[in-house]
Amino acid sequence: MAETTLEMRNGRTSFFDGGLFQYIGWTILGAIVTLFTLGICYPWALCMIYGWKINHTVIEGKRMRFNGSAVGLFGNWIKWLLLTIITLGIYGFWVFIKLEDWKAKNTVFEN
């Protein structure tokens, strides 16, 4: 039977181990890429930042891993944009929920 080891920090099994300067750097990079591509690479910037946040999160000793891709999100992004245009903006209220669902679908426990 395989033995599992739980990650701990300061006696806690649930924690976030990302740093402030990492967060600032990823956010600035995402903003620069989004700006220079006129928003086309916004899904890539989201994936990059989501990945950083999720990959630095440990819940009950189990590290989380984000496996979403910008290509997968881009397809959904186009679909959501079209639905928002067709419904005269009404579908836009659900885009945040759809984005959270996509993020959860692409998050797993690493160990």
Protein backbone atom coordinates (compact mmCIF):
# COMPACT_ATOMS: atom_id res chain seq x y z
CA MET A 1 0.00 0.00 0.00
CA ALA A 2 1.38 3.40 -1.00
CA GLU A 3 2.12 5.76 1.82
CA THR A 4 1.04 9.35 1.32
CA THR A 5 2.87 12.27 2.85
CA LEU A 6 1.05 15.47 3.61
CA GLU A 7 2.67 18.83 3.00
CA MET A 8 2.77 21.05 6.05
CA ARG A 9 3.88 24.60 6.77
CA ASN A 10 4.00 26.11 10.25
CA GLY A 11 2.01 23.14 11.55
CA ARG A 12 -0.81 23.71 9.05
CA THR A 13 -1.90 21.37 6.26
CA SER A 14 -3.74 24.07 4.26
CA PHE A 15 -1.71 27.04 3.08
CA PHE A 16 -0.64 29.22 0.16
CA ASP A 17 3.10 29.43 -0.55
CA GLY A 18 3.29 32.00 -3.35
CA GLY A 19 5.15 35.26 -2.82
CA LEU A 20 4.14 38.88 -3.30
CA PHE A 21 6.86 39.67 -5.84
CA GLN A 22 5.94 36.59 -7.89
CA TYR A 23 2.32 37.74 -7.94
CA ILE A 24 3.28 41.27 -8.96
CA GLY A 25 5.56 39.93 -11.70
CA TRP A 26 2.96 37.54 -13.16
CA THR A 27 0.29 40.26 -13.05
CA ILE A 28 2.50 42.81 -14.80
CA LEU A 29 3.52 40.26 -17.43
CA GLY A 30 -0.12 39.32 -18.02
CA ALA A 31 -1.11 42.98 -18.37
CA ILE A 32 1.74 43.70 -20.80
CA VAL A 33 0.92 40.68 -22.98
CA THR A 34 -2.79 41.57 -22.97
CA LEU A 35 -2.06 45.20 -23.83
CA PHE A 36 0.37 44.48 -26.67
CA THR A 37 -1.94 41.89 -28.25
CA LEU A 38 -4.99 44.18 -27.90
CA GLY A 39 -6.69 41.65 -25.64
CA ILE A 40 -6.31 38.61 -27.89
CA CYS A 41 -3.95 36.90 -25.42
CA TYR A 42 -6.08 37.72 -22.37
CA PRO A 43 -7.02 34.02 -21.96
CA TRP A 44 -3.30 33.19 -21.87
CA ALA A 45 -2.75 35.82 -19.16
CA LEU A 46 -5.66 34.40 -17.14
CA CYS A 47 -4.28 30.86 -17.43
CA MET A 48 -0.85 32.05 -16.38
CA ILE A 49 -2.16 33.80 -13.26
CA TYR A 50 -4.67 31.05 -12.39
CA GLY A 51 -1.88 28.50 -12.74
CA TRP A 52 0.38 30.45 -10.42
CA LYS A 53 -2.33 30.82 -7.75
CA ILE A 54 -3.55 27.24 -7.89
CA ASN A 55 -0.11 25.63 -8.15
CA HIS A 56 0.92 27.42 -4.94
CA THR A 57 -2.12 26.22 -2.97
CA VAL A 58 -2.11 23.24 -0.60
CA ILE A 59 -5.40 21.98 0.86
CA GLU A 60 -5.29 19.45 3.72
CA GLY A 61 -1.74 18.50 2.78
CA LYS A 62 -2.48 17.96 -0.90
CA ARG A 63 -0.97 20.32 -3.45
CA MET A 64 -3.30 21.50 -6.18
CA ARG A 65 -2.32 21.57 -9.86
CA PHE A 66 -3.89 23.65 -12.65
CA ASN A 67 -3.87 21.93 -16.05
CA GLY A 68 -5.94 24.36 -18.12
CA SER A 69 -4.58 25.75 -21.36
CA ALA A 70 -4.95 29.10 -23.05
CA VAL A 71 -6.13 27.35 -26.22
CA GLY A 72 -8.94 25.62 -24.33
CA LEU A 73 -9.97 28.85 -22.64
CA PHE A 74 -9.75 30.82 -25.89
CA GLY A 75 -12.38 28.57 -27.52
CA ASN A 76 -14.73 29.13 -24.59
CA TRP A 77 -13.92 32.85 -24.57
CA ILE A 78 -15.05 33.20 -28.21
CA LYS A 79 -18.23 31.22 -27.51
CA TRP A 80 -19.02 33.35 -24.45
CA LEU A 81 -18.34 36.55 -26.40
CA LEU A 82 -20.71 35.51 -29.18
CA LEU A 83 -23.42 34.54 -26.68
CA THR A 84 -23.00 37.89 -24.94
CA ILE A 85 -23.36 39.75 -28.25
CA ILE A 86 -26.38 37.67 -29.34
CA THR A 87 -28.18 38.24 -26.02
CA LEU A 88 -27.37 41.97 -26.04
CA GLY A 89 -25.06 41.62 -23.04
CA ILE A 90 -27.29 39.52 -20.81
CA TYR A 91 -25.10 36.40 -21.06
CA GLY A 92 -22.19 38.50 -19.79
CA PHE A 93 -23.57 38.12 -16.27
CA TRP A 94 -22.87 34.36 -16.51
CA VAL A 95 -19.36 34.62 -17.95
CA PHE A 96 -17.78 34.94 -14.48
CA ILE A 97 -19.60 31.78 -13.35
CA LYS A 98 -18.57 29.92 -16.52
CA LEU A 99 -14.96 31.02 -16.00
CA GLU A 100 -14.97 29.76 -12.41
CA ASP A 101 -16.48 26.45 -13.58
CA TRP A 102 -13.78 26.11 -16.26
CA LYS A 103 -11.10 26.84 -13.67
CA ALA A 104 -12.49 24.19 -11.28
CA LYS A 105 -12.76 21.66 -14.10
CA ASN A 106 -9.06 22.16 -14.85
CA THR A 107 -7.84 21.90 -11.24
CA VAL A 108 -6.74 18.61 -9.70
CA PHE A 109 -4.85 17.42 -6.62
CA GLU A 110 -1.24 16.63 -7.48
CA ASN A 111 -0.64 14.10 -4.71
